[in-house]
Full PDB file with SEQRES, HELIX, SHEET, SSBOND, CRYST1, ORIGX, SCALE, CONECT and MASTER records, all heavy atoms in Angstrom:
SEQRES   1 A   34  CYS PRO ALA ALA PHE VAL TYR ARG LYS VAL HIS THR ARG          
SEQRES   2 A   34  LYS GLY ALA VAL ILE GLY LEU SER VAL GLY VAL VAL THR          
SEQRES   3 A   34  LEU VAL GLY VAL MET LEU LEU TRP                              
HELIX    1 AA1 PRO A    2  LYS A    9  1                                   8    
HELIX    2 AA2 ARG A   13  LEU A   33  1                                  21    
CRYST1    1.000    1.000    1.000  90.00  90.00  90.00 P 1           1          
ORIGX1      1.000000  0.000000  0.000000        0.00000                         
ORIGX2      0.000000  1.000000  0.000000        0.00000                         
ORIGX3      0.000000  0.000000  1.000000        0.00000                         
SCALE1      1.000000  0.000000  0.000000        0.00000                         
SCALE2      0.000000  1.000000  0.000000        0.00000                         
SCALE3      0.000000  0.000000  1.000000        0.00000                         
ATOM      1  N   CYS A   1      -3.311   2.276   5.288  1.00  0.00           N  
ATOM      2  CA  CYS A   1      -4.574   1.704   4.954  1.00  0.00           C  
ATOM      3  C   CYS A   1      -4.611   1.027   3.625  1.00  0.00           C  
ATOM      4  O   CYS A   1      -5.052  -0.108   3.568  1.00  0.00           O  
ATOM      5  CB  CYS A   1      -5.754   2.844   4.960  1.00  0.00           C  
ATOM      6  SG  CYS A   1      -6.105   3.444   6.682  1.00  0.00           S  
ATOM      7  N   PRO A   2      -3.981   1.533   2.520  1.00  0.00           N  
ATOM      8  CA  PRO A   2      -3.957   0.773   1.329  1.00  0.00           C  
ATOM      9  C   PRO A   2      -3.108  -0.405   1.454  1.00  0.00           C  
ATOM     10  O   PRO A   2      -3.294  -1.526   0.862  1.00  0.00           O  
ATOM     11  CB  PRO A   2      -3.259   1.759   0.283  1.00  0.00           C  
ATOM     12  CG  PRO A   2      -3.567   3.121   0.757  1.00  0.00           C  
ATOM     13  CD  PRO A   2      -3.518   2.973   2.357  1.00  0.00           C  
ATOM     14  N   ALA A   3      -1.928  -0.262   2.212  1.00  0.00           N  
ATOM     15  CA  ALA A   3      -1.113  -1.459   2.485  1.00  0.00           C  
ATOM     16  C   ALA A   3      -1.849  -2.564   3.170  1.00  0.00           C  
ATOM     17  O   ALA A   3      -1.708  -3.783   2.863  1.00  0.00           O  
ATOM     18  CB  ALA A   3       0.057  -1.025   3.273  1.00  0.00           C  
ATOM     19  N   ALA A   4      -2.670  -2.208   4.258  1.00  0.00           N  
ATOM     20  CA  ALA A   4      -3.421  -3.216   4.918  1.00  0.00           C  
ATOM     21  C   ALA A   4      -4.472  -3.863   4.063  1.00  0.00           C  
ATOM     22  O   ALA A   4      -4.663  -5.130   4.168  1.00  0.00           O  
ATOM     23  CB  ALA A   4      -4.124  -2.525   6.239  1.00  0.00           C  
ATOM     24  N   PHE A   5      -5.069  -3.099   3.206  1.00  0.00           N  
ATOM     25  CA  PHE A   5      -6.063  -3.559   2.297  1.00  0.00           C  
ATOM     26  C   PHE A   5      -5.473  -4.569   1.403  1.00  0.00           C  
ATOM     27  O   PHE A   5      -6.157  -5.747   1.222  1.00  0.00           O  
ATOM     28  CB  PHE A   5      -6.769  -2.436   1.560  1.00  0.00           C  
ATOM     29  CG  PHE A   5      -7.718  -2.853   0.603  1.00  0.00           C  
ATOM     30  CD1 PHE A   5      -9.120  -3.061   1.005  1.00  0.00           C  
ATOM     31  CD2 PHE A   5      -7.548  -3.015  -0.681  1.00  0.00           C  
ATOM     32  CE1 PHE A   5     -10.077  -3.481   0.149  1.00  0.00           C  
ATOM     33  CE2 PHE A   5      -8.548  -3.489  -1.618  1.00  0.00           C  
ATOM     34  CZ  PHE A   5      -9.738  -3.706  -1.192  1.00  0.00           C  
ATOM     35  N   VAL A   6      -4.386  -4.308   0.856  1.00  0.00           N  
ATOM     36  CA  VAL A   6      -3.821  -5.261  -0.155  1.00  0.00           C  
ATOM     37  C   VAL A   6      -3.324  -6.528   0.572  1.00  0.00           C  
ATOM     38  O   VAL A   6      -3.488  -7.633   0.159  1.00  0.00           O  
ATOM     39  CB  VAL A   6      -2.639  -4.645  -0.847  1.00  0.00           C  
ATOM     40  CG1 VAL A   6      -1.869  -5.568  -1.726  1.00  0.00           C  
ATOM     41  CG2 VAL A   6      -3.160  -3.443  -1.738  1.00  0.00           C  
ATOM     42  N   TYR A   7      -2.787  -6.357   1.780  1.00  0.00           N  
ATOM     43  CA  TYR A   7      -2.283  -7.406   2.518  1.00  0.00           C  
ATOM     44  C   TYR A   7      -3.357  -8.432   2.942  1.00  0.00           C  
ATOM     45  O   TYR A   7      -3.168  -9.610   3.030  1.00  0.00           O  
ATOM     46  CB  TYR A   7      -1.533  -6.927   3.737  1.00  0.00           C  
ATOM     47  CG  TYR A   7      -0.776  -8.046   4.548  1.00  0.00           C  
ATOM     48  CD1 TYR A   7       0.316  -8.768   3.912  1.00  0.00           C  
ATOM     49  CD2 TYR A   7      -1.152  -8.337   5.833  1.00  0.00           C  
ATOM     50  CE1 TYR A   7       0.879  -9.818   4.744  1.00  0.00           C  
ATOM     51  CE2 TYR A   7      -0.539  -9.369   6.560  1.00  0.00           C  
ATOM     52  CZ  TYR A   7       0.457 -10.059   5.897  1.00  0.00           C  
ATOM     53  OH  TYR A   7       1.128 -11.023   6.645  1.00  0.00           O  
ATOM     54  N   ARG A   8      -4.595  -7.871   3.259  1.00  0.00           N  
ATOM     55  CA  ARG A   8      -5.702  -8.792   3.566  1.00  0.00           C  
ATOM     56  C   ARG A   8      -6.128  -9.611   2.458  1.00  0.00           C  
ATOM     57  O   ARG A   8      -6.655 -10.694   2.643  1.00  0.00           O  
ATOM     58  CB  ARG A   8      -6.823  -7.848   4.063  1.00  0.00           C  
ATOM     59  CG  ARG A   8      -6.602  -7.373   5.460  1.00  0.00           C  
ATOM     60  CD  ARG A   8      -7.853  -7.462   6.328  1.00  0.00           C  
ATOM     61  NE  ARG A   8      -7.655  -7.644   7.649  1.00  0.00           N  
ATOM     62  CZ  ARG A   8      -8.530  -7.739   8.658  1.00  0.00           C  
ATOM     63  NH1 ARG A   8      -9.816  -7.787   8.263  1.00  0.00           N  
ATOM     64  NH2 ARG A   8      -8.299  -7.945   9.931  1.00  0.00           N  
ATOM     65  N   LYS A   9      -5.901  -8.984   1.179  1.00  0.00           N  
ATOM     66  CA  LYS A   9      -6.329  -9.767  -0.002  1.00  0.00           C  
ATOM     67  C   LYS A   9      -5.253 -10.830  -0.373  1.00  0.00           C  
ATOM     68  O   LYS A   9      -5.577 -11.838  -0.842  1.00  0.00           O  
ATOM     69  CB  LYS A   9      -6.542  -8.842  -1.164  1.00  0.00           C  
ATOM     70  CG  LYS A   9      -7.640  -7.758  -0.942  1.00  0.00           C  
ATOM     71  CD  LYS A   9      -8.986  -8.491  -0.811  1.00  0.00           C  
ATOM     72  CE  LYS A   9     -10.137  -7.448  -0.676  1.00  0.00           C  
ATOM     73  NZ  LYS A   9     -11.477  -8.040  -0.571  1.00  0.00           N  
ATOM     74  N   VAL A  10      -3.972 -10.450  -0.143  1.00  0.00           N  
ATOM     75  CA  VAL A  10      -2.863 -11.288  -0.546  1.00  0.00           C  
ATOM     76  C   VAL A  10      -2.020 -11.434   0.721  1.00  0.00           C  
ATOM     77  O   VAL A  10      -0.970 -10.681   0.934  1.00  0.00           O  
ATOM     78  CB  VAL A  10      -1.976 -10.738  -1.668  1.00  0.00           C  
ATOM     79  CG1 VAL A  10      -0.939 -11.696  -2.096  1.00  0.00           C  
ATOM     80  CG2 VAL A  10      -2.955 -10.269  -2.934  1.00  0.00           C  
ATOM     81  N   HIS A  11      -2.386 -12.454   1.470  1.00  0.00           N  
ATOM     82  CA  HIS A  11      -1.722 -12.615   2.896  1.00  0.00           C  
ATOM     83  C   HIS A  11      -0.445 -13.361   2.790  1.00  0.00           C  
ATOM     84  O   HIS A  11      -0.250 -14.528   3.377  1.00  0.00           O  
ATOM     85  CB  HIS A  11      -2.712 -13.288   3.823  1.00  0.00           C  
ATOM     86  CG  HIS A  11      -2.451 -13.054   5.254  1.00  0.00           C  
ATOM     87  ND1 HIS A  11      -2.715 -11.770   5.791  1.00  0.00           N  
ATOM     88  CD2 HIS A  11      -1.944 -13.806   6.219  1.00  0.00           C  
ATOM     89  CE1 HIS A  11      -2.373 -11.927   7.129  1.00  0.00           C  
ATOM     90  NE2 HIS A  11      -1.952 -13.118   7.345  1.00  0.00           N  
ATOM     91  N   THR A  12       0.621 -12.844   2.073  1.00  0.00           N  
ATOM     92  CA  THR A  12       1.860 -13.374   1.985  1.00  0.00           C  
ATOM     93  C   THR A  12       2.963 -12.266   2.080  1.00  0.00           C  
ATOM     94  O   THR A  12       2.614 -11.089   2.079  1.00  0.00           O  
ATOM     95  CB  THR A  12       2.060 -14.088   0.658  1.00  0.00           C  
ATOM     96  OG1 THR A  12       1.854 -13.059  -0.423  1.00  0.00           O  
ATOM     97  CG2 THR A  12       1.048 -15.164   0.410  1.00  0.00           C  
ATOM     98  N   ARG A  13       4.184 -12.740   2.062  1.00  0.00           N  
ATOM     99  CA  ARG A  13       5.362 -11.671   2.058  1.00  0.00           C  
ATOM    100  C   ARG A  13       5.090 -10.831   0.793  1.00  0.00           C  
ATOM    101  O   ARG A  13       5.352  -9.673   0.865  1.00  0.00           O  
ATOM    102  CB  ARG A  13       6.678 -12.400   2.163  1.00  0.00           C  
ATOM    103  CG  ARG A  13       6.936 -13.051   3.427  1.00  0.00           C  
ATOM    104  CD  ARG A  13       8.442 -13.483   3.523  1.00  0.00           C  
ATOM    105  NE  ARG A  13       8.771 -14.103   4.867  1.00  0.00           N  
ATOM    106  CZ  ARG A  13       8.767 -15.368   5.037  1.00  0.00           C  
ATOM    107  NH1 ARG A  13       8.542 -16.249   3.882  1.00  0.00           N  
ATOM    108  NH2 ARG A  13       9.060 -15.919   6.160  1.00  0.00           N  
ATOM    109  N   LYS A  14       4.911 -11.488  -0.311  1.00  0.00           N  
ATOM    110  CA  LYS A  14       4.716 -10.748  -1.578  1.00  0.00           C  
ATOM    111  C   LYS A  14       3.639  -9.726  -1.453  1.00  0.00           C  
ATOM    112  O   LYS A  14       3.681  -8.625  -1.928  1.00  0.00           O  
ATOM    113  CB  LYS A  14       4.459 -11.613  -2.729  1.00  0.00           C  
ATOM    114  CG  LYS A  14       4.248 -11.052  -4.076  1.00  0.00           C  
ATOM    115  CD  LYS A  14       4.026 -12.097  -5.167  1.00  0.00           C  
ATOM    116  CE  LYS A  14       3.873 -11.419  -6.589  1.00  0.00           C  
ATOM    117  NZ  LYS A  14       3.560 -12.334  -7.642  1.00  0.00           N  
ATOM    118  N   GLY A  15       2.492 -10.236  -0.806  1.00  0.00           N  
ATOM    119  CA  GLY A  15       1.362  -9.288  -0.664  1.00  0.00           C  
ATOM    120  C   GLY A  15       1.784  -8.083   0.230  1.00  0.00           C  
ATOM    121  O   GLY A  15       1.352  -6.995   0.013  1.00  0.00           O  
ATOM    122  N   ALA A  16       2.654  -8.411   1.225  1.00  0.00           N  
ATOM    123  CA  ALA A  16       3.112  -7.231   2.159  1.00  0.00           C  
ATOM    124  C   ALA A  16       3.884  -6.218   1.342  1.00  0.00           C  
ATOM    125  O   ALA A  16       3.771  -4.967   1.477  1.00  0.00           O  
ATOM    126  CB  ALA A  16       3.870  -7.812   3.241  1.00  0.00           C  
ATOM    127  N   VAL A  17       4.837  -6.713   0.505  1.00  0.00           N  
ATOM    128  CA  VAL A  17       5.627  -5.863  -0.332  1.00  0.00           C  
ATOM    129  C   VAL A  17       4.819  -5.103  -1.249  1.00  0.00           C  
ATOM    130  O   VAL A  17       5.040  -3.874  -1.400  1.00  0.00           O  
ATOM    131  CB  VAL A  17       6.704  -6.647  -1.034  1.00  0.00           C  
ATOM    132  CG1 VAL A  17       7.482  -5.787  -1.948  1.00  0.00           C  
ATOM    133  CG2 VAL A  17       7.728  -7.226  -0.037  1.00  0.00           C  
ATOM    134  N   ILE A  18       3.806  -5.684  -1.960  1.00  0.00           N  
ATOM    135  CA  ILE A  18       2.936  -5.006  -2.889  1.00  0.00           C  
ATOM    136  C   ILE A  18       2.168  -3.926  -2.172  1.00  0.00           C  
ATOM    137  O   ILE A  18       1.974  -2.826  -2.585  1.00  0.00           O  
ATOM    138  CB  ILE A  18       2.123  -6.071  -3.585  1.00  0.00           C  
ATOM    139  CG1 ILE A  18       3.050  -6.936  -4.523  1.00  0.00           C  
ATOM    140  CG2 ILE A  18       0.999  -5.344  -4.462  1.00  0.00           C  
ATOM    141  CD1 ILE A  18       2.201  -8.088  -5.162  1.00  0.00           C  
ATOM    142  N   GLY A  19       1.597  -4.385  -1.037  1.00  0.00           N  
ATOM    143  CA  GLY A  19       0.724  -3.484  -0.330  1.00  0.00           C  
ATOM    144  C   GLY A  19       1.419  -2.260   0.101  1.00  0.00           C  
ATOM    145  O   GLY A  19       0.978  -1.092   0.068  1.00  0.00           O  
ATOM    146  N   LEU A  20       2.591  -2.509   0.690  1.00  0.00           N  
ATOM    147  CA  LEU A  20       3.286  -1.270   1.161  1.00  0.00           C  
ATOM    148  C   LEU A  20       3.956  -0.443   0.012  1.00  0.00           C  
ATOM    149  O   LEU A  20       3.960   0.834   0.208  1.00  0.00           O  
ATOM    150  CB  LEU A  20       4.640  -1.799   2.044  1.00  0.00           C  
ATOM    151  CG  LEU A  20       4.312  -2.368   3.330  1.00  0.00           C  
ATOM    152  CD1 LEU A  20       5.501  -3.165   3.917  1.00  0.00           C  
ATOM    153  CD2 LEU A  20       3.851  -1.331   4.306  1.00  0.00           C  
ATOM    154  N   SER A  21       4.179  -1.043  -1.022  1.00  0.00           N  
ATOM    155  CA  SER A  21       4.647  -0.213  -2.259  1.00  0.00           C  
ATOM    156  C   SER A  21       3.354   0.611  -2.663  1.00  0.00           C  
ATOM    157  O   SER A  21       3.614   1.848  -3.067  1.00  0.00           O  
ATOM    158  CB  SER A  21       5.023  -1.107  -3.426  1.00  0.00           C  
ATOM    159  OG  SER A  21       6.124  -1.883  -3.059  1.00  0.00           O  
ATOM    160  N   VAL A  22       2.140   0.059  -2.767  1.00  0.00           N  
ATOM    161  CA  VAL A  22       0.977   0.824  -2.942  1.00  0.00           C  
ATOM    162  C   VAL A  22       0.811   1.948  -1.984  1.00  0.00           C  
ATOM    163  O   VAL A  22       0.366   3.002  -2.301  1.00  0.00           O  
ATOM    164  CB  VAL A  22      -0.258  -0.117  -3.019  1.00  0.00           C  
ATOM    165  CG1 VAL A  22      -1.593   0.682  -3.091  1.00  0.00           C  
ATOM    166  CG2 VAL A  22      -0.151  -1.117  -4.153  1.00  0.00           C  
ATOM    167  N   GLY A  23       1.099   1.637  -0.721  1.00  0.00           N  
ATOM    168  CA  GLY A  23       0.999   2.631   0.321  1.00  0.00           C  
ATOM    169  C   GLY A  23       1.933   3.825   0.122  1.00  0.00           C  
ATOM    170  O   GLY A  23       1.620   4.999   0.327  1.00  0.00           O  
ATOM    171  N   VAL A  24       3.182   3.508  -0.327  1.00  0.00           N  
ATOM    172  CA  VAL A  24       4.173   4.570  -0.644  1.00  0.00           C  
ATOM    173  C   VAL A  24       3.693   5.467  -1.767  1.00  0.00           C  
ATOM    174  O   VAL A  24       3.701   6.705  -1.654  1.00  0.00           O  
ATOM    175  CB  VAL A  24       5.570   3.957  -1.067  1.00  0.00           C  
ATOM    176  CG1 VAL A  24       6.505   5.001  -1.507  1.00  0.00           C  
ATOM    177  CG2 VAL A  24       6.168   3.202   0.074  1.00  0.00           C  
ATOM    178  N   VAL A  25       3.135   4.869  -2.789  1.00  0.00           N  
ATOM    179  CA  VAL A  25       2.607   5.554  -3.940  1.00  0.00           C  
ATOM    180  C   VAL A  25       1.456   6.409  -3.570  1.00  0.00           C  
ATOM    181  O   VAL A  25       1.293   7.721  -3.906  1.00  0.00           O  
ATOM    182  CB  VAL A  25       2.185   4.696  -5.127  1.00  0.00           C  
ATOM    183  CG1 VAL A  25       1.511   5.502  -6.298  1.00  0.00           C  
ATOM    184  CG2 VAL A  25       3.433   3.918  -5.678  1.00  0.00           C  
ATOM    185  N   THR A  26       0.560   5.887  -2.741  1.00  0.00           N  
ATOM    186  CA  THR A  26      -0.646   6.572  -2.253  1.00  0.00           C  
ATOM    187  C   THR A  26      -0.153   7.746  -1.390  1.00  0.00           C  
ATOM    188  O   THR A  26      -0.660   8.922  -1.486  1.00  0.00           O  
ATOM    189  CB  THR A  26      -1.577   5.726  -1.470  1.00  0.00           C  
ATOM    190  OG1 THR A  26      -1.912   4.618  -2.302  1.00  0.00           O  
ATOM    191  CG2 THR A  26      -2.861   6.386  -1.122  1.00  0.00           C  
ATOM    192  N   LEU A  27       0.755   7.585  -0.551  1.00  0.00           N  
ATOM    193  CA  LEU A  27       1.247   8.557   0.330  1.00  0.00           C  
ATOM    194  C   LEU A  27       1.841   9.805  -0.408  1.00  0.00           C  
ATOM    195  O   LEU A  27       1.490  10.947  -0.192  1.00  0.00           O  
ATOM    196  CB  LEU A  27       2.363   8.106   1.242  1.00  0.00           C  
ATOM    197  CG  LEU A  27       3.229   9.038   2.033  1.00  0.00           C  
ATOM    198  CD1 LEU A  27       2.328   9.706   3.038  1.00  0.00           C  
ATOM    199  CD2 LEU A  27       4.434   8.471   2.772  1.00  0.00           C  
ATOM    200  N   VAL A  28       2.650   9.441  -1.403  1.00  0.00           N  
ATOM    201  CA  VAL A  28       3.274  10.503  -2.286  1.00  0.00           C  
ATOM    202  C   VAL A  28       2.100  11.292  -3.042  1.00  0.00           C  
ATOM    203  O   VAL A  28       2.160  12.499  -2.991  1.00  0.00           O  
ATOM    204  CB  VAL A  28       4.238   9.867  -3.345  1.00  0.00           C  
ATOM    205  CG1 VAL A  28       4.680  10.981  -4.280  1.00  0.00           C  
ATOM    206  CG2 VAL A  28       5.389   9.352  -2.593  1.00  0.00           C  
ATOM    207  N   GLY A  29       1.263  10.646  -3.643  1.00  0.00           N  
ATOM    208  CA  GLY A  29       0.137  11.313  -4.334  1.00  0.00           C  
ATOM    209  C   GLY A  29      -0.730  12.216  -3.508  1.00  0.00           C  
ATOM    210  O   GLY A  29      -1.045  13.325  -3.819  1.00  0.00           O  
ATOM    211  N   VAL A  30      -1.137  11.681  -2.314  1.00  0.00           N  
ATOM    212  CA  VAL A  30      -2.087  12.341  -1.399  1.00  0.00           C  
ATOM    213  C   VAL A  30      -1.339  13.573  -0.861  1.00  0.00           C  
ATOM    214  O   VAL A  30      -1.918  14.655  -0.847  1.00  0.00           O  
ATOM    215  CB  VAL A  30      -2.525  11.458  -0.224  1.00  0.00           C  
ATOM    216  CG1 VAL A  30      -3.143  12.260   0.866  1.00  0.00           C  
ATOM    217  CG2 VAL A  30      -3.455  10.471  -0.788  1.00  0.00           C  
ATOM    218  N   MET A  31      -0.050  13.385  -0.475  1.00  0.00           N  
ATOM    219  CA  MET A  31       0.655  14.492   0.113  1.00  0.00           C  
ATOM    220  C   MET A  31       1.027  15.626  -0.818  1.00  0.00           C  
ATOM    221  O   MET A  31       1.153  16.778  -0.453  1.00  0.00           O  
ATOM    222  CB  MET A  31       1.897  13.976   0.936  1.00  0.00           C  
ATOM    223  CG  MET A  31       1.547  13.120   2.084  1.00  0.00           C  
ATOM    224  SD  MET A  31       0.206  13.650   3.124  1.00  0.00           S  
ATOM    225  CE  MET A  31       0.911  15.061   3.827  1.00  0.00           C  
ATOM    226  N   LEU A  32       1.292  15.265  -2.113  1.00  0.00           N  
ATOM    227  CA  LEU A  32       1.504  16.215  -3.072  1.00  0.00           C  
ATOM    228  C   LEU A  32       0.293  17.170  -3.318  1.00  0.00           C  
ATOM    229  O   LEU A  32       0.319  18.335  -3.359  1.00  0.00           O  
ATOM    230  CB  LEU A  32       1.923  15.555  -4.436  1.00  0.00           C  
ATOM    231  CG  LEU A  32       3.342  15.065  -4.569  1.00  0.00           C  
ATOM    232  CD1 LEU A  32       3.608  14.398  -5.884  1.00  0.00           C  
ATOM    233  CD2 LEU A  32       4.402  16.125  -4.352  1.00  0.00           C  
ATOM    234  N   LEU A  33      -0.821  16.444  -3.356  1.00  0.00           N  
ATOM    235  CA  LEU A  33      -2.107  17.259  -3.564  1.00  0.00           C  
ATOM    236  C   LEU A  33      -2.435  18.031  -2.275  1.00  0.00           C  
ATOM    237  O   LEU A  33      -2.816  19.280  -2.461  1.00  0.00           O  
ATOM    238  CB  LEU A  33      -3.205  16.203  -3.776  1.00  0.00           C  
ATOM    239  CG  LEU A  33      -4.688  16.826  -3.821  1.00  0.00           C  
ATOM    240  CD1 LEU A  33      -4.751  17.787  -5.021  1.00  0.00           C  
ATOM    241  CD2 LEU A  33      -5.768  15.750  -4.035  1.00  0.00           C  
ATOM    242  N   TRP A  34      -2.186  17.416  -1.058  1.00  0.00           N  
ATOM    243  CA  TRP A  34      -2.514  18.200   0.099  1.00  0.00           C  
ATOM    244  C   TRP A  34      -1.541  19.447   0.283  1.00  0.00           C  
ATOM    245  O   TRP A  34      -1.979  20.510   0.573  1.00  0.00           O  
ATOM    246  CB  TRP A  34      -2.249  17.245   1.342  1.00  0.00           C  
ATOM    247  CG  TRP A  34      -2.527  17.867   2.681  1.00  0.00           C  
ATOM    248  CD1 TRP A  34      -1.401  18.347   3.475  1.00  0.00           C  
ATOM    249  CD2 TRP A  34      -3.582  18.247   3.251  1.00  0.00           C  
ATOM    250  NE1 TRP A  34      -2.023  18.899   4.690  1.00  0.00           N  
ATOM    251  CE2 TRP A  34      -3.321  18.928   4.562  1.00  0.00           C  
ATOM    252  CE3 TRP A  34      -5.031  18.082   2.997  1.00  0.00           C  
ATOM    253  CZ2 TRP A  34      -4.370  19.387   5.475  1.00  0.00           C  
ATOM    254  CZ3 TRP A  34      -5.987  18.525   3.891  1.00  0.00           C  
ATOM    255  CH2 TRP A  34      -5.614  19.176   5.032  1.00  0.00           C  
TER     256      TRP A  34                                                      
MASTER        0    0    0    2    0    0    0    6  255    1    0    3          
END                                                                             
């Protein structure tokens, strides 16, 4: 979901990389808490 949100705002390859990187960070943070 964070990856898709960022990619919708920045619809480029760079946006995809940034979005997926944000997704990785979010995944790690959420799963550590969970």
